[in-house]
Amino acid sequence: MKIAQFYDKQKIRLGLIRSEGIIPIDFDGDMIEFIRSGHGVTTKDSAISLHDVQIAAPVSRPSKIIAIGLNYKDHADESKGKLPEVPLIFAKFPNSITGPDTEITWDESVTRKVDFEAELAVIIGKEVYNCTEEEALTCVFGYTCANDVSARDLQFGDGQWVRGKSLNTFCPIGPWIVTPDELADPHSLKIRCLLNGRQMQNSSTAHIIFKVPTLISFFSKHFTLLPGDIILTGTPHGVGAFRDPPVYMKNGDEVSVDIEGIGRLTNRCRTTTSSG
């Protein structure tokens, strides 16, 4: 199924995505509460046109966002990075989450080198600690699109990545979650990033180095994963920082992440300049 969060008079509701629109689910709670409950899907209302609702980020308050660096060989090559022997982990703070059709915003007095990174995101479906790779996919609730927006001047200047990756709105996700029954193999999906309609990244999740079961098992041997936790699985080649000349996002730009079998996540960019 494709399951989304949407706003109904400022309240978050859940709905199933169908060809005719979004069908509200009979559940009083958000996505993480739904995942934790193991609640079956029941509907009682008719479909609402997607043009008539505001889709929210499919998960808005995870306990953590775990991201992976250099998890595509072509991206490691373009960045002149050494291929990691184990997953290269960093964090994005939950305040960075924003949904589809919202603005990615930044203060130009803080950063002027904001980059895009198309990524497949994994949503954890149950509490898991110390699981094997064979068990790992049973812990997945579903998959969605993500943009690991990065302030490269902060990231490279700090020598570690958390600040440059965690500015408000720097983790767009969506537009909805696709469950494994509709996306049996997460490692055979076309993945693209478009900037103002121009294709910047074009690859396949088949090129991921550390696959989803490996990542989940590896993480779970070090810390507990909880329902609704988000794993960003890395980005392929074509990011702006390593182009010649570099291409960074600017005010008014439209950026989209497109993943086969999931959908398209689109956001616009807006900059501000503080006087302080």
C-alpha atoms as a PDB file:
ATOM      1  CA  MET A   1       0.000   0.000   0.000  1.00  0.00           C
ATOM      2  CA  LYS A   2       0.909   3.659  -0.337  1.00  0.00           C
ATOM      3  CA  ILE A   3       0.137   5.452   2.917  1.00  0.00           C
ATOM      4  CA  ALA A   4       0.427   9.179   3.560  1.00  0.00           C
ATOM      5  CA  GLN A   5      -0.053  11.793   6.225  1.00  0.00           C
ATOM      6  CA  PHE A   6      -2.183  14.781   5.285  1.00  0.00           C
ATOM      7  CA  TYR A   7      -3.632  17.829   6.981  1.00  0.00           C
ATOM      8  CA  ASP A   8      -7.341  17.940   7.782  1.00  0.00           C
ATOM      9  CA  LYS A   9      -8.160  21.297   9.405  1.00  0.00           C
ATOM     10  CA  GLN A  10      -4.614  21.506  10.844  1.00  0.00           C
ATOM     11  CA  LYS A  11      -4.866  17.962  12.217  1.00  0.00           C
ATOM     12  CA  ILE A  12      -2.728  15.131  10.879  1.00  0.00           C
ATOM     13  CA  ARG A  13      -4.663  12.243   9.366  1.00  0.00           C
ATOM     14  CA  LEU A  14      -3.596   9.133   7.513  1.00  0.00           C
ATOM     15  CA  GLY A  15      -4.776   8.058   4.100  1.00  0.00           C
ATOM     16  CA  LEU A  16      -4.268   5.464   1.401  1.00  0.00           C
ATOM     17  CA  ILE A  17      -3.098   6.715  -1.971  1.00  0.00           C
ATOM     18  CA  ARG A  18      -5.201   5.409  -4.841  1.00  0.00           C
ATOM     19  CA  SER A  19      -5.617   6.401  -8.469  1.00  0.00           C
ATOM     20  CA  GLU A  20      -8.765   8.331  -7.528  1.00  0.00           C
ATOM     21  CA  GLY A  21      -7.046  10.273  -4.724  1.00  0.00           C
ATOM     22  CA  ILE A  22      -6.445   9.789  -1.004  1.00  0.00           C
ATOM     23  CA  ILE A  23      -8.831   7.668   1.077  1.00  0.00           C
ATOM     24  CA  PRO A  24      -8.778   8.604   4.792  1.00  0.00           C
ATOM     25  CA  ILE A  25      -7.956   5.762   7.197  1.00  0.00           C
ATOM     26  CA  ASP A  26     -10.111   5.217  10.259  1.00  0.00           C
ATOM     27  CA  PHE A  27      -7.329   5.842  12.781  1.00  0.00           C
ATOM     28  CA  ASP A  28      -6.884   8.648  15.306  1.00  0.00           C
ATOM     29  CA  GLY A  29      -3.156   9.253  15.442  1.00  0.00           C
ATOM     30  CA  ASP A  30      -0.086   9.958  13.353  1.00  0.00           C
ATOM     31  CA  MET A  31       2.089   7.602  11.321  1.00  0.00           C
ATOM     32  CA  ILE A  32       4.357   6.498  14.154  1.00  0.00           C
ATOM     33  CA  GLU A  33       1.371   5.740  16.373  1.00  0.00           C
ATOM     34  CA  PHE A  34      -0.143   3.773  13.492  1.00  0.00           C
ATOM     35  CA  ILE A  35       3.078   1.782  12.978  1.00  0.00           C
ATOM     36  CA  ARG A  36       3.368   1.029  16.680  1.00  0.00           C
ATOM     37  CA  SER A  37      -0.249  -0.060  16.953  1.00  0.00           C
ATOM     38  CA  GLY A  38      -0.123  -2.755  14.298  1.00  0.00           C
ATOM     39  CA  HIS A  39      -3.592  -1.475  13.471  1.00  0.00           C
ATOM     40  CA  GLY A  40      -5.269  -2.927  10.417  1.00  0.00           C
ATOM     41  CA  VAL A  41      -6.249  -0.533   7.656  1.00  0.00           C
ATOM     42  CA  THR A  42      -9.934   0.343   7.565  1.00  0.00           C
ATOM     43  CA  THR A  43     -11.509   3.180   5.625  1.00  0.00           C
ATOM     44  CA  LYS A  44     -14.928   4.739   5.860  1.00  0.00           C
ATOM     45  CA  ASP A  45     -14.772   7.882   3.722  1.00  0.00           C
ATOM     46  CA  SER A  46     -14.645   8.328  -0.026  1.00  0.00           C
ATOM     47  CA  ALA A  47     -11.516   9.428  -1.850  1.00  0.00           C
ATOM     48  CA  ILE A  48     -10.424  13.061  -1.755  1.00  0.00           C
ATOM     49  CA  SER A  49      -8.610  14.538  -4.734  1.00  0.00           C
ATOM     50  CA  LEU A  50      -4.920  15.057  -4.056  1.00  0.00           C
ATOM     51  CA  HIS A  51      -5.380  18.587  -5.393  1.00  0.00           C
ATOM     52  CA  ASP A  52      -7.672  19.320  -2.435  1.00  0.00           C
ATOM     53  CA  VAL A  53      -5.372  18.248   0.396  1.00  0.00           C
ATOM     54  CA  GLN A  54      -1.965  19.204   1.710  1.00  0.00           C
ATOM     55  CA  ILE A  55       0.239  16.129   1.990  1.00  0.00           C
ATOM     56  CA  ALA A  56       2.537  16.199   5.030  1.00  0.00           C
ATOM     57  CA  ALA A  57       5.880  14.507   5.603  1.00  0.00           C
ATOM     58  CA  PRO A  58       5.027  10.802   6.019  1.00  0.00           C
ATOM     59  CA  VAL A  59       6.886  10.722   9.366  1.00  0.00           C
ATOM     60  CA  SER A  60       7.272  13.899  11.381  1.00  0.00           C
ATOM     61  CA  ARG A  61       8.731  12.971  14.766  1.00  0.00           C
ATOM     62  CA  PRO A  62      11.124  10.022  14.511  1.00  0.00           C
ATOM     63  CA  SER A  63      13.448   9.281  17.399  1.00  0.00           C
ATOM     64  CA  LYS A  64      16.344   9.541  14.943  1.00  0.00           C
ATOM     65  CA  ILE A  65      17.376  10.008  11.337  1.00  0.00           C
ATOM     66  CA  ILE A  66      20.385   7.882  10.449  1.00  0.00           C
ATOM     67  CA  ALA A  67      22.209   8.737   7.245  1.00  0.00           C
ATOM     68  CA  ILE A  68      24.961   7.000   5.304  1.00  0.00           C
ATOM     69  CA  GLY A  69      27.858   8.636   3.500  1.00  0.00           C
ATOM     70  CA  LEU A  70      29.629   7.339   0.410  1.00  0.00           C
ATOM     71  CA  ASN A  71      27.254   4.426  -0.117  1.00  0.00           C
ATOM     72  CA  TYR A  72      27.400   4.528  -3.936  1.00  0.00           C
ATOM     73  CA  LYS A  73      30.770   3.852  -5.563  1.00  0.00           C
ATOM     74  CA  ASP A  74      30.185   6.474  -8.258  1.00  0.00           C
ATOM     75  CA  HIS A  75      29.541   9.138  -5.605  1.00  0.00           C
ATOM     76  CA  ALA A  76      32.643   8.094  -3.664  1.00  0.00           C
ATOM     77  CA  ASP A  77      34.619   8.394  -6.903  1.00  0.00           C
ATOM     78  CA  GLU A  78      33.319  11.876  -7.759  1.00  0.00           C
ATOM     79  CA  SER A  79      34.064  13.129  -4.238  1.00  0.00           C
ATOM     80  CA  LYS A  80      37.484  11.436  -4.254  1.00  0.00           C
ATOM     81  CA  GLY A  81      36.473   9.656  -1.079  1.00  0.00           C
ATOM     82  CA  LYS A  82      37.823   6.309   0.017  1.00  0.00           C
ATOM     83  CA  LEU A  83      35.243   3.543  -0.026  1.00  0.00           C
ATOM     84  CA  PRO A  84      34.303   2.797   3.599  1.00  0.00           C
ATOM     85  CA  GLU A  85      34.907  -0.686   4.970  1.00  0.00           C
ATOM     86  CA  VAL A  86      31.861  -0.351   7.231  1.00  0.00           C
ATOM     87  CA  PRO A  87      28.875   1.991   6.839  1.00  0.00           C
ATOM     88  CA  LEU A  88      29.828   5.640   7.328  1.00  0.00           C
ATOM     89  CA  ILE A  89      27.144   6.909   9.701  1.00  0.00           C
ATOM     90  CA  PHE A  90      26.067  10.441  10.487  1.00  0.00           C
ATOM     91  CA  ALA A  91      22.894  11.958  11.920  1.00  0.00           C
ATOM     92  CA  LYS A  92      20.368  14.501  10.791  1.00  0.00           C
ATOM     93  CA  PHE A  93      18.264  16.031  13.544  1.00  0.00           C
ATOM     94  CA  PRO A  94      14.470  15.525  13.330  1.00  0.00           C
ATOM     95  CA  ASN A  95      13.932  19.318  13.098  1.00  0.00           C
ATOM     96  CA  SER A  96      15.292  19.032   9.542  1.00  0.00           C
ATOM     97  CA  ILE A  97      12.205  17.127   8.334  1.00  0.00           C
ATOM     98  CA  THR A  98       9.832  18.809   5.927  1.00  0.00           C
ATOM     99  CA  GLY A  99       7.231  17.410   3.568  1.00  0.00           C
ATOM    100  CA  PRO A 100       6.462  17.525  -0.143  1.00  0.00           C
ATOM    101  CA  ASP A 101       5.620  20.842  -1.804  1.00  0.00           C
ATOM    102  CA  THR A 102       7.117  22.812   1.074  1.00  0.00           C
ATOM    103  CA  GLU A 103      10.061  25.198   1.044  1.00  0.00           C
ATOM    104  CA  ILE A 104      13.675  24.339   1.747  1.00  0.00           C
ATOM    105  CA  THR A 105      14.895  27.494   3.478  1.00  0.00           C
ATOM    106  CA  TRP A 106      18.233  28.800   4.629  1.00  0.00           C
ATOM    107  CA  ASP A 107      19.821  32.019   5.811  1.00  0.00           C
ATOM    108  CA  GLU A 108      22.555  33.144   3.420  1.00  0.00           C
ATOM    109  CA  SER A 109      24.511  34.532   6.359  1.00  0.00           C
ATOM    110  CA  VAL A 110      24.790  30.909   7.572  1.00  0.00           C
ATOM    111  CA  THR A 111      25.387  29.058   4.284  1.00  0.00           C
ATOM    112  CA  ARG A 112      25.702  29.835   0.584  1.00  0.00           C
ATOM    113  CA  LYS A 113      26.550  26.351  -0.680  1.00  0.00           C
ATOM    114  CA  VAL A 114      23.373  24.278  -0.374  1.00  0.00           C
ATOM    115  CA  ASP A 115      23.412  20.996  -2.285  1.00  0.00           C
ATOM    116  CA  PHE A 116      20.874  18.318  -3.222  1.00  0.00           C
ATOM    117  CA  GLU A 117      21.177  14.562  -2.627  1.00  0.00           C
ATOM    118  CA  ALA A 118      18.508  12.153  -3.885  1.00  0.00           C
ATOM    119  CA  GLU A 119      18.164   9.175  -1.535  1.00  0.00           C
ATOM    120  CA  LEU A 120      16.015   6.135  -0.855  1.00  0.00           C
ATOM    121  CA  ALA A 121      14.716   6.334   2.719  1.00  0.00           C
ATOM    122  CA  VAL A 122      13.774   3.322   4.843  1.00  0.00           C
ATOM    123  CA  ILE A 123      11.108   3.631   7.554  1.00  0.00           C
ATOM    124  CA  ILE A 124      11.550   1.203  10.463  1.00  0.00           C
ATOM    125  CA  GLY A 125       8.425  -0.722  11.459  1.00  0.00           C
ATOM    126  CA  LYS A 126       9.220  -2.207  14.858  1.00  0.00           C
ATOM    127  CA  GLU A 127      11.678  -2.035  17.716  1.00  0.00           C
ATOM    128  CA  VAL A 128      14.799  -3.968  16.814  1.00  0.00           C
ATOM    129  CA  TYR A 129      18.101  -4.637  18.513  1.00  0.00           C
ATOM    130  CA  ASN A 130      20.875  -6.985  17.426  1.00  0.00           C
ATOM    131  CA  CYS A 131      19.094  -8.507  14.443  1.00  0.00           C
ATOM    132  CA  THR A 132      20.682 -10.548  11.669  1.00  0.00           C
ATOM    133  CA  GLU A 133      20.711  -9.552   8.023  1.00  0.00           C
ATOM    134  CA  GLU A 134      18.260 -12.378   7.352  1.00  0.00           C
ATOM    135  CA  GLU A 135      15.792 -10.840   9.823  1.00  0.00           C
ATOM    136  CA  ALA A 136      16.367  -7.235   8.834  1.00  0.00           C
ATOM    137  CA  LEU A 137      13.779  -6.742   6.091  1.00  0.00           C
ATOM    138  CA  THR A 138      11.017  -7.915   8.439  1.00  0.00           C
ATOM    139  CA  CYS A 139      11.751  -4.745  10.424  1.00  0.00           C
ATOM    140  CA  VAL A 140      10.912  -2.437   7.502  1.00  0.00           C
ATOM    141  CA  PHE A 141       7.555  -0.661   7.441  1.00  0.00           C
ATOM    142  CA  GLY A 142       8.199   0.905   4.061  1.00  0.00           C
ATOM    143  CA  TYR A 143      10.179   3.209   1.801  1.00  0.00           C
ATOM    144  CA  THR A 144       9.975   6.818   0.693  1.00  0.00           C
ATOM    145  CA  CYS A 145      11.947   9.483  -1.177  1.00  0.00           C
ATOM    146  CA  ALA A 146      14.350  11.774   0.631  1.00  0.00           C
ATOM    147  CA  ASN A 147      16.571  14.728  -0.183  1.00  0.00           C
ATOM    148  CA  ASP A 148      19.628  14.860   2.062  1.00  0.00           C
ATOM    149  CA  VAL A 149      20.044  18.617   1.678  1.00  0.00           C
ATOM    150  CA  SER A 150      23.564  19.644   2.657  1.00  0.00           C
ATOM    151  CA  ALA A 151      25.236  22.944   3.497  1.00  0.00           C
ATOM    152  CA  ARG A 152      28.602  22.060   1.984  1.00  0.00           C
ATOM    153  CA  ASP A 153      30.492  25.035   3.419  1.00  0.00           C
ATOM    154  CA  LEU A 154      29.445  23.992   6.934  1.00  0.00           C
ATOM    155  CA  GLN A 155      29.909  20.274   6.283  1.00  0.00           C
ATOM    156  CA  PHE A 156      33.429  20.597   4.883  1.00  0.00           C
ATOM    157  CA  GLY A 157      34.418  23.470   7.156  1.00  0.00           C
ATOM    158  CA  ASP A 158      33.406  21.680  10.356  1.00  0.00           C
ATOM    159  CA  GLY A 159      35.183  18.441   9.476  1.00  0.00           C
ATOM    160  CA  GLN A 160      32.047  16.574  10.594  1.00  0.00           C
ATOM    161  CA  TRP A 161      28.653  16.592   9.004  1.00  0.00           C
ATOM    162  CA  VAL A 162      25.875  17.023  11.551  1.00  0.00           C
ATOM    163  CA  ARG A 163      25.508  20.825  11.512  1.00  0.00           C
ATOM    164  CA  GLY A 164      25.626  21.114   7.732  1.00  0.00           C
ATOM    165  CA  LYS A 165      23.039  18.368   7.355  1.00  0.00           C
ATOM    166  CA  SER A 166      20.603  19.384  10.104  1.00  0.00           C
ATOM    167  CA  LEU A 167      19.427  22.905   9.355  1.00  0.00           C
ATOM    168  CA  ASN A 168      15.664  23.320   9.509  1.00  0.00           C
ATOM    169  CA  THR A 169      13.946  21.914   6.355  1.00  0.00           C
ATOM    170  CA  PHE A 170      17.129  20.102   5.233  1.00  0.00           C
ATOM    171  CA  CYS A 171      15.452  16.668   5.191  1.00  0.00           C
ATOM    172  CA  PRO A 172      12.485  16.696   2.809  1.00  0.00           C
ATOM    173  CA  ILE A 173      10.790  13.277   2.737  1.00  0.00           C
ATOM    174  CA  GLY A 174       7.729  11.937   0.957  1.00  0.00           C
ATOM    175  CA  PRO A 175       5.376  12.139  -0.657  1.00  0.00           C
ATOM    176  CA  TRP A 176       4.197   8.920   1.027  1.00  0.00           C
ATOM    177  CA  ILE A 177       5.419   5.539   2.271  1.00  0.00           C
ATOM    178  CA  VAL A 178       5.273   2.498   0.018  1.00  0.00           C
ATOM    179  CA  THR A 179       5.105  -0.768   1.976  1.00  0.00           C
ATOM    180  CA  PRO A 180       7.224  -3.812   1.052  1.00  0.00           C
ATOM    181  CA  ASP A 181       4.278  -5.699  -0.441  1.00  0.00           C
ATOM    182  CA  GLU A 182       4.367  -3.156  -3.293  1.00  0.00           C
ATOM    183  CA  LEU A 183       8.147  -2.696  -3.328  1.00  0.00           C
ATOM    184  CA  ALA A 184       9.618  -6.133  -2.824  1.00  0.00           C
ATOM    185  CA  ASP A 185      13.185  -5.278  -3.890  1.00  0.00           C
ATOM    186  CA  PRO A 186      14.506  -1.893  -2.762  1.00  0.00           C
ATOM    187  CA  HIS A 187      17.753  -2.525  -4.664  1.00  0.00           C
ATOM    188  CA  SER A 188      16.431  -2.321  -8.228  1.00  0.00           C
ATOM    189  CA  LEU A 189      14.880   1.146  -8.398  1.00  0.00           C
ATOM    190  CA  LYS A 190      15.717   4.017 -10.707  1.00  0.00           C
ATOM    191  CA  ILE A 191      16.589   7.122  -8.704  1.00  0.00           C
ATOM    192  CA  ARG A 192      16.903  10.656 -10.063  1.00  0.00           C
ATOM    193  CA  CYS A 193      17.247  14.253  -8.945  1.00  0.00           C
ATOM    194  CA  LEU A 194      15.975  17.130 -11.062  1.00  0.00           C
ATOM    195  CA  LEU A 195      16.900  20.776 -10.498  1.00  0.00           C
ATOM    196  CA  ASN A 196      14.573  23.167 -12.318  1.00  0.00           C
ATOM    197  CA  GLY A 197      13.692  20.291 -14.627  1.00  0.00           C
ATOM    198  CA  ARG A 198      17.336  19.494 -15.444  1.00  0.00           C
ATOM    199  CA  GLN A 199      18.424  15.966 -14.601  1.00  0.00           C
ATOM    200  CA  MET A 200      21.333  16.147 -12.161  1.00  0.00           C
ATOM    201  CA  GLN A 201      21.408  12.609 -10.749  1.00  0.00           C
ATOM    202  CA  ASN A 202      20.386   9.465 -12.601  1.00  0.00           C
ATOM    203  CA  SER A 203      21.240   6.071 -11.160  1.00  0.00           C
ATOM    204  CA  SER A 204      19.805   2.920  -9.601  1.00  0.00           C
ATOM    205  CA  THR A 205      19.618   1.656  -6.053  1.00  0.00           C
ATOM    206  CA  ALA A 206      21.252  -1.476  -7.463  1.00  0.00           C
ATOM    207  CA  HIS A 207      24.526   0.412  -7.022  1.00  0.00           C
ATOM    208  CA  ILE A 208      24.177   0.819  -3.250  1.00  0.00           C
ATOM    209  CA  ILE A 209      27.280  -0.638  -1.542  1.00  0.00           C
ATOM    210  CA  PHE A 210      25.809  -1.493   1.872  1.00  0.00           C
ATOM    211  CA  LYS A 211      22.332  -2.868   1.165  1.00  0.00           C
ATOM    212  CA  VAL A 212      19.299  -2.271   3.366  1.00  0.00           C
ATOM    213  CA  PRO A 213      19.543  -5.563   5.339  1.00  0.00           C
ATOM    214  CA  THR A 214      23.230  -4.915   6.005  1.00  0.00           C
ATOM    215  CA  LEU A 215      22.533  -1.387   7.256  1.00  0.00           C
ATOM    216  CA  ILE A 216      19.692  -2.409   9.565  1.00  0.00           C
ATOM    217  CA  SER A 217      21.645  -5.302  11.042  1.00  0.00           C
ATOM    218  CA  PHE A 218      24.774  -3.161  11.474  1.00  0.00           C
ATOM    219  CA  PHE A 219      22.908  -0.338  13.203  1.00  0.00           C
ATOM    220  CA  SER A 220      20.962  -2.704  15.441  1.00  0.00           C
ATOM    221  CA  LYS A 221      24.159  -4.176  16.837  1.00  0.00           C
ATOM    222  CA  HIS A 222      25.060  -0.735  18.165  1.00  0.00           C
ATOM    223  CA  PHE A 223      21.762   0.951  19.081  1.00  0.00           C
ATOM    224  CA  THR A 224      18.066   0.159  19.177  1.00  0.00           C
ATOM    225  CA  LEU A 225      15.975   1.120  16.171  1.00  0.00           C
ATOM    226  CA  LEU A 226      12.439   2.275  16.939  1.00  0.00           C
ATOM    227  CA  PRO A 227       9.234   2.424  14.887  1.00  0.00           C
ATOM    228  CA  GLY A 228       9.318   5.439  12.602  1.00  0.00           C
ATOM    229  CA  ASP A 229      13.105   5.800  12.602  1.00  0.00           C
ATOM    230  CA  ILE A 230      14.398   6.901   9.206  1.00  0.00           C
ATOM    231  CA  ILE A 231      17.442   5.529   7.411  1.00  0.00           C
ATOM    232  CA  LEU A 232      18.805   7.518   4.461  1.00  0.00           C
ATOM    233  CA  THR A 233      20.706   5.027   2.319  1.00  0.00           C
ATOM    234  CA  GLY A 234      23.116   7.340   0.513  1.00  0.00           C
ATOM    235  CA  THR A 235      23.183   9.292  -2.734  1.00  0.00           C
ATOM    236  CA  PRO A 236      24.512   8.471  -6.213  1.00  0.00           C
ATOM    237  CA  HIS A 237      26.853  10.599  -8.334  1.00  0.00           C
ATOM    238  CA  GLY A 238      25.856  13.957  -9.778  1.00  0.00           C
ATOM    239  CA  VAL A 239      25.582  16.146  -6.666  1.00  0.00           C
ATOM    240  CA  GLY A 240      26.300  19.831  -7.134  1.00  0.00           C
ATOM    241  CA  ALA A 241      29.445  20.185  -5.022  1.00  0.00           C
ATOM    242  CA  PHE A 242      31.594  17.976  -7.236  1.00  0.00           C
ATOM    243  CA  ARG A 243      30.528  19.362 -10.599  1.00  0.00           C
ATOM    244  CA  ASP A 244      32.823  21.619 -12.608  1.00  0.00           C
ATOM    245  CA  PRO A 245      31.802  24.326 -11.945  1.00  0.00           C
ATOM    246  CA  PRO A 246      29.842  23.461  -8.777  1.00  0.00           C
ATOM    247  CA  VAL A 247      26.055  23.812  -8.887  1.00  0.00           C
ATOM    248  CA  TYR A 248      24.358  24.912  -5.690  1.00  0.00           C
ATOM    249  CA  MET A 249      20.673  25.533  -5.111  1.00  0.00           C
ATOM    250  CA  LYS A 250      19.482  29.121  -4.998  1.00  0.00           C
ATOM    251  CA  ASN A 251      16.410  31.144  -4.148  1.00  0.00           C
ATOM    252  CA  GLY A 252      13.417  30.124  -6.280  1.00  0.00           C
ATOM    253  CA  ASP A 253      14.860  26.814  -7.464  1.00  0.00           C
ATOM    254  CA  GLU A 254      12.658  23.731  -7.694  1.00  0.00           C
ATOM    255  CA  VAL A 255      14.247  20.407  -6.769  1.00  0.00           C
ATOM    256  CA  SER A 256      12.685  16.965  -7.181  1.00  0.00           C
ATOM    257  CA  VAL A 257      13.671  13.462  -6.103  1.00  0.00           C
ATOM    258  CA  ASP A 258      12.104  10.758  -8.243  1.00  0.00           C
ATOM    259  CA  ILE A 259      12.282   7.074  -7.269  1.00  0.00           C
ATOM    260  CA  GLU A 260      10.742   4.298  -9.327  1.00  0.00           C
ATOM    261  CA  GLY A 261       7.813   2.633  -7.595  1.00  0.00           C
ATOM    262  CA  ILE A 262       7.496   5.380  -4.990  1.00  0.00           C
ATOM    263  CA  GLY A 263       6.862   8.737  -6.627  1.00  0.00           C
ATOM    264  CA  ARG A 264       8.235  12.239  -6.801  1.00  0.00           C
ATOM    265  CA  LEU A 265       9.186  14.559  -3.927  1.00  0.00           C
ATOM    266  CA  THR A 266       9.298  18.209  -4.982  1.00  0.00           C
ATOM    267  CA  ASN A 267      10.323  21.279  -2.993  1.00  0.00           C
ATOM    268  CA  ARG A 268      11.147  24.896  -3.715  1.00  0.00           C
ATOM    269  CA  CYS A 269      14.057  26.841  -2.287  1.00  0.00           C
ATOM    270  CA  ARG A 270      13.812  30.117  -0.419  1.00  0.00           C
ATOM    271  CA  THR A 271      16.682  32.110   1.052  1.00  0.00           C
ATOM    272  CA  THR A 272      16.756  34.808   3.701  1.00  0.00           C
ATOM    273  CA  THR A 273      19.511  37.061   4.983  1.00  0.00           C
ATOM    274  CA  SER A 274      19.674  38.001   8.640  1.00  0.00           C
ATOM    275  CA  SER A 275      21.092  41.342   9.714  1.00  0.00           C
ATOM    276  CA  GLY A 276      22.794  39.995  12.822  1.00  0.00           C
END
